[in-house]
């Protein structure tokens, strides 16, 4: 199925003109969530320095959310190029399972475990990339 050029340019123009509207609701929801926490959770915005490190609820949220943010950044690039890659979660799960299994069942050092988990993720990602790029195995909707 082909898309006519004028229809595609009209769709892009509509997306850009509605861009501010799409950001308003999430920004408002975030503002309401932060206001709720400021009112009902004492010390939510409190950040303190102990032993040269930052401590506080917001610091914890940023630390734990950063991992998801890295994956989301990669997925944003995939989706922006009109692709959908659902295998990212599976690759993360496999790499995590390798790391967890090695932690429980061996006396190997942490750097080795980390290298094995990253190597597993790299191998699975390369395999998926090979299947999609070279063998054209994927499902794509317009």
C-alpha atoms as a PDB file:
ATOM      1  CA  UNK A   1       0.000   0.000   0.000  1.00  0.00           C
ATOM      2  CA  UNK A   2       1.498   3.342  -1.007  1.00  0.00           C
ATOM      3  CA  UNK A   3       0.851   6.681   0.562  1.00  0.00           C
ATOM      4  CA  UNK A   4       0.284   9.640  -1.682  1.00  0.00           C
ATOM      5  CA  UNK A   5       2.810  12.483  -1.151  1.00  0.00           C
ATOM      6  CA  UNK A   6       0.198  15.166  -0.435  1.00  0.00           C
ATOM      7  CA  UNK A   7      -1.565  12.946   2.109  1.00  0.00           C
ATOM      8  CA  UNK A   8       1.727  12.293   3.918  1.00  0.00           C
ATOM      9  CA  UNK A   9       2.668  15.990   4.038  1.00  0.00           C
ATOM     10  CA  UNK A  10      -0.829  16.833   5.345  1.00  0.00           C
ATOM     11  CA  UNK A  11      -0.422  14.247   8.090  1.00  0.00           C
ATOM     12  CA  UNK A  12       2.958  15.680   9.100  1.00  0.00           C
ATOM     13  CA  UNK A  13       1.592  19.235   9.174  1.00  0.00           C
ATOM     14  CA  UNK A  14      -1.303  18.091  11.373  1.00  0.00           C
ATOM     15  CA  UNK A  15       1.103  16.321  13.759  1.00  0.00           C
ATOM     16  CA  UNK A  16       3.294  19.408  14.107  1.00  0.00           C
ATOM     17  CA  UNK A  17       0.341  21.746  14.617  1.00  0.00           C
ATOM     18  CA  UNK A  18      -1.108  19.464  17.293  1.00  0.00           C
ATOM     19  CA  UNK A  19       2.281  18.968  18.967  1.00  0.00           C
ATOM     20  CA  UNK A  20       1.699  21.542  21.685  1.00  0.00           C
ATOM     21  CA  UNK A  21      -1.694  20.009  22.512  1.00  0.00           C
ATOM     22  CA  UNK A  22      -0.099  16.573  22.881  1.00  0.00           C
ATOM     23  CA  UNK A  23       2.407  17.935  25.393  1.00  0.00           C
ATOM     24  CA  UNK A  24      -0.089  19.937  27.437  1.00  0.00           C
ATOM     25  CA  UNK A  25      -1.910  17.005  29.048  1.00  0.00           C
ATOM     26  CA  UNK A  26       1.220  15.094  30.173  1.00  0.00           C
ATOM     27  CA  UNK A  27       2.767  18.347  31.476  1.00  0.00           C
ATOM     28  CA  UNK A  28      -0.420  19.137  33.378  1.00  0.00           C
ATOM     29  CA  UNK A  29      -0.561  15.611  34.801  1.00  0.00           C
ATOM     30  CA  UNK A  30       3.068  15.891  35.938  1.00  0.00           C
ATOM     31  CA  UNK A  31       2.383  19.276  37.550  1.00  0.00           C
ATOM     32  CA  UNK A  32      -0.650  17.863  39.394  1.00  0.00           C
ATOM     33  CA  UNK A  33       1.331  14.829  40.567  1.00  0.00           C
ATOM     34  CA  UNK A  34       4.146  17.025  41.872  1.00  0.00           C
ATOM     35  CA  UNK A  35       1.643  19.354  43.582  1.00  0.00           C
ATOM     36  CA  UNK A  36      -0.080  16.368  45.223  1.00  0.00           C
ATOM     37  CA  UNK A  37       3.241  15.039  46.512  1.00  0.00           C
ATOM     38  CA  UNK A  38       4.317  18.468  47.743  1.00  0.00           C
ATOM     39  CA  UNK A  39       1.115  18.762  49.763  1.00  0.00           C
ATOM     40  CA  UNK A  40       0.624  15.189  51.049  1.00  0.00           C
ATOM     41  CA  UNK A  41       4.194  13.843  51.277  1.00  0.00           C
ATOM     42  CA  UNK A  42       6.329  15.714  53.804  1.00  0.00           C
ATOM     43  CA  UNK A  43       9.887  16.158  52.584  1.00  0.00           C
ATOM     44  CA  UNK A  44       9.158  15.040  49.015  1.00  0.00           C
ATOM     45  CA  UNK A  45      11.263  17.863  47.546  1.00  0.00           C
ATOM     46  CA  UNK A  46      13.901  17.749  50.316  1.00  0.00           C
ATOM     47  CA  UNK A  47      17.392  16.984  49.049  1.00  0.00           C
ATOM     48  CA  UNK A  48      20.369  16.752  51.375  1.00  0.00           C
ATOM     49  CA  UNK A  49      24.073  16.160  50.942  1.00  0.00           C
ATOM     50  CA  UNK A  50      25.682  13.444  53.055  1.00  0.00           C
ATOM     51  CA  UNK A  51      29.248  12.287  52.522  1.00  0.00           C
ATOM     52  CA  UNK A  52      29.383  14.255  49.279  1.00  0.00           C
ATOM     53  CA  UNK A  53      26.311  12.523  47.806  1.00  0.00           C
ATOM     54  CA  UNK A  54      22.776  13.712  47.213  1.00  0.00           C
ATOM     55  CA  UNK A  55      19.947  11.992  49.095  1.00  0.00           C
ATOM     56  CA  UNK A  56      16.200  12.431  48.848  1.00  0.00           C
ATOM     57  CA  UNK A  57      13.042  11.156  47.201  1.00  0.00           C
ATOM     58  CA  UNK A  58      13.604  13.060  43.952  1.00  0.00           C
ATOM     59  CA  UNK A  59      17.169  11.750  43.735  1.00  0.00           C
ATOM     60  CA  UNK A  60      15.857   8.188  44.153  1.00  0.00           C
ATOM     61  CA  UNK A  61      13.246   8.736  41.442  1.00  0.00           C
ATOM     62  CA  UNK A  62      15.883  10.055  39.031  1.00  0.00           C
ATOM     63  CA  UNK A  63      18.290   7.209  39.846  1.00  0.00           C
ATOM     64  CA  UNK A  64      15.712   4.493  39.300  1.00  0.00           C
ATOM     65  CA  UNK A  65      14.061   6.197  36.333  1.00  0.00           C
ATOM     66  CA  UNK A  66      17.324   6.742  34.474  1.00  0.00           C
ATOM     67  CA  UNK A  67      17.514   3.099  33.409  1.00  0.00           C
ATOM     68  CA  UNK A  68      14.080   3.236  31.884  1.00  0.00           C
ATOM     69  CA  UNK A  69      14.921   6.578  30.304  1.00  0.00           C
ATOM     70  CA  UNK A  70      17.891   5.072  28.475  1.00  0.00           C
ATOM     71  CA  UNK A  71      15.705   2.332  27.022  1.00  0.00           C
ATOM     72  CA  UNK A  72      12.984   4.865  26.178  1.00  0.00           C
ATOM     73  CA  UNK A  73      15.518   6.985  24.295  1.00  0.00           C
ATOM     74  CA  UNK A  74      16.482   4.035  22.123  1.00  0.00           C
ATOM     75  CA  UNK A  75      12.842   3.108  21.554  1.00  0.00           C
ATOM     76  CA  UNK A  76      12.065   6.705  20.592  1.00  0.00           C
ATOM     77  CA  UNK A  77      14.661   6.484  17.838  1.00  0.00           C
ATOM     78  CA  UNK A  78      13.194   3.186  16.625  1.00  0.00           C
ATOM     79  CA  UNK A  79       9.630   4.509  16.599  1.00  0.00           C
ATOM     80  CA  UNK A  80      10.686   7.814  14.984  1.00  0.00           C
ATOM     81  CA  UNK A  81      12.046   5.847  12.021  1.00  0.00           C
ATOM     82  CA  UNK A  82       8.621   4.181  11.567  1.00  0.00           C
ATOM     83  CA  UNK A  83       9.676   0.960  13.209  1.00  0.00           C
ATOM     84  CA  UNK A  84       8.297  -0.889  16.180  1.00  0.00           C
ATOM     85  CA  UNK A  85      10.649  -3.197  18.024  1.00  0.00           C
ATOM     86  CA  UNK A  86       8.967  -5.199  20.761  1.00  0.00           C
ATOM     87  CA  UNK A  87      12.031  -7.355  21.294  1.00  0.00           C
ATOM     88  CA  UNK A  88      13.792  -4.772  23.465  1.00  0.00           C
ATOM     89  CA  UNK A  89      11.985  -5.941  26.580  1.00  0.00           C
ATOM     90  CA  UNK A  90      12.801  -9.557  25.799  1.00  0.00           C
ATOM     91  CA  UNK A  91      16.486  -8.749  25.257  1.00  0.00           C
ATOM     92  CA  UNK A  92      16.573  -6.878  28.580  1.00  0.00           C
ATOM     93  CA  UNK A  93      14.901  -9.813  30.323  1.00  0.00           C
ATOM     94  CA  UNK A  94      17.365 -12.315  28.857  1.00  0.00           C
ATOM     95  CA  UNK A  95      20.374 -10.196  29.827  1.00  0.00           C
ATOM     96  CA  UNK A  96      18.938  -9.694  33.315  1.00  0.00           C
ATOM     97  CA  UNK A  97      18.295 -13.420  33.688  1.00  0.00           C
ATOM     98  CA  UNK A  98      21.888 -14.183  32.691  1.00  0.00           C
ATOM     99  CA  UNK A  99      23.172 -11.694  35.277  1.00  0.00           C
ATOM    100  CA  UNK A 100      20.862 -12.985  38.015  1.00  0.00           C
ATOM    101  CA  UNK A 101      21.755 -16.604  37.301  1.00  0.00           C
ATOM    102  CA  UNK A 102      25.458 -15.820  37.421  1.00  0.00           C
ATOM    103  CA  UNK A 103      25.108 -13.910  40.695  1.00  0.00           C
ATOM    104  CA  UNK A 104      23.266 -16.782  42.364  1.00  0.00           C
ATOM    105  CA  UNK A 105      25.150 -19.755  40.924  1.00  0.00           C
ATOM    106  CA  UNK A 106      28.756 -18.619  40.743  1.00  0.00           C
ATOM    107  CA  UNK A 107      31.543 -16.852  42.547  1.00  0.00           C
ATOM    108  CA  UNK A 108      32.460 -14.775  39.505  1.00  0.00           C
ATOM    109  CA  UNK A 109      33.284 -11.105  40.107  1.00  0.00           C
ATOM    110  CA  UNK A 110      30.790  -8.349  39.369  1.00  0.00           C
ATOM    111  CA  UNK A 111      32.672  -6.933  36.349  1.00  0.00           C
ATOM    112  CA  UNK A 112      32.617 -10.387  34.706  1.00  0.00           C
ATOM    113  CA  UNK A 113      28.903 -10.786  35.408  1.00  0.00           C
ATOM    114  CA  UNK A 114      28.238  -7.311  33.999  1.00  0.00           C
ATOM    115  CA  UNK A 115      30.309  -8.081  30.883  1.00  0.00           C
ATOM    116  CA  UNK A 116      28.436 -11.360  30.342  1.00  0.00           C
ATOM    117  CA  UNK A 117      25.027  -9.703  30.718  1.00  0.00           C
ATOM    118  CA  UNK A 118      25.996  -6.901  28.335  1.00  0.00           C
ATOM    119  CA  UNK A 119      27.481  -9.418  25.907  1.00  0.00           C
ATOM    120  CA  UNK A 120      24.252 -11.412  26.000  1.00  0.00           C
ATOM    121  CA  UNK A 121      22.224  -8.261  25.302  1.00  0.00           C
ATOM    122  CA  UNK A 122      24.596  -7.305  22.492  1.00  0.00           C
ATOM    123  CA  UNK A 123      24.402 -10.764  20.915  1.00  0.00           C
ATOM    124  CA  UNK A 124      20.605 -10.872  21.118  1.00  0.00           C
ATOM    125  CA  UNK A 125      20.349  -7.336  19.736  1.00  0.00           C
ATOM    126  CA  UNK A 126      22.685  -8.146  16.857  1.00  0.00           C
ATOM    127  CA  UNK A 127      20.690 -11.278  16.088  1.00  0.00           C
ATOM    128  CA  UNK A 128      17.438  -9.286  16.032  1.00  0.00           C
ATOM    129  CA  UNK A 129      19.097  -6.642  13.872  1.00  0.00           C
ATOM    130  CA  UNK A 130      20.292  -9.300  11.445  1.00  0.00           C
ATOM    131  CA  UNK A 131      16.819 -10.806  11.205  1.00  0.00           C
ATOM    132  CA  UNK A 132      15.241  -7.423  10.500  1.00  0.00           C
ATOM    133  CA  UNK A 133      17.899  -5.771   8.327  1.00  0.00           C
ATOM    134  CA  UNK A 134      19.164  -8.676   6.256  1.00  0.00           C
ATOM    135  CA  UNK A 135      16.386 -11.247   6.236  1.00  0.00           C
ATOM    136  CA  UNK A 136      13.551  -8.654   6.301  1.00  0.00           C
ATOM    137  CA  UNK A 137      11.735 -10.509   9.074  1.00  0.00           C
ATOM    138  CA  UNK A 138       9.393  -7.975  10.638  1.00  0.00           C
ATOM    139  CA  UNK A 139       5.793  -6.896  10.558  1.00  0.00           C
ATOM    140  CA  UNK A 140       5.082  -3.317   9.583  1.00  0.00           C
ATOM    141  CA  UNK A 141       1.779  -1.440   9.388  1.00  0.00           C
ATOM    142  CA  UNK A 142       1.179   1.942   7.782  1.00  0.00           C
END
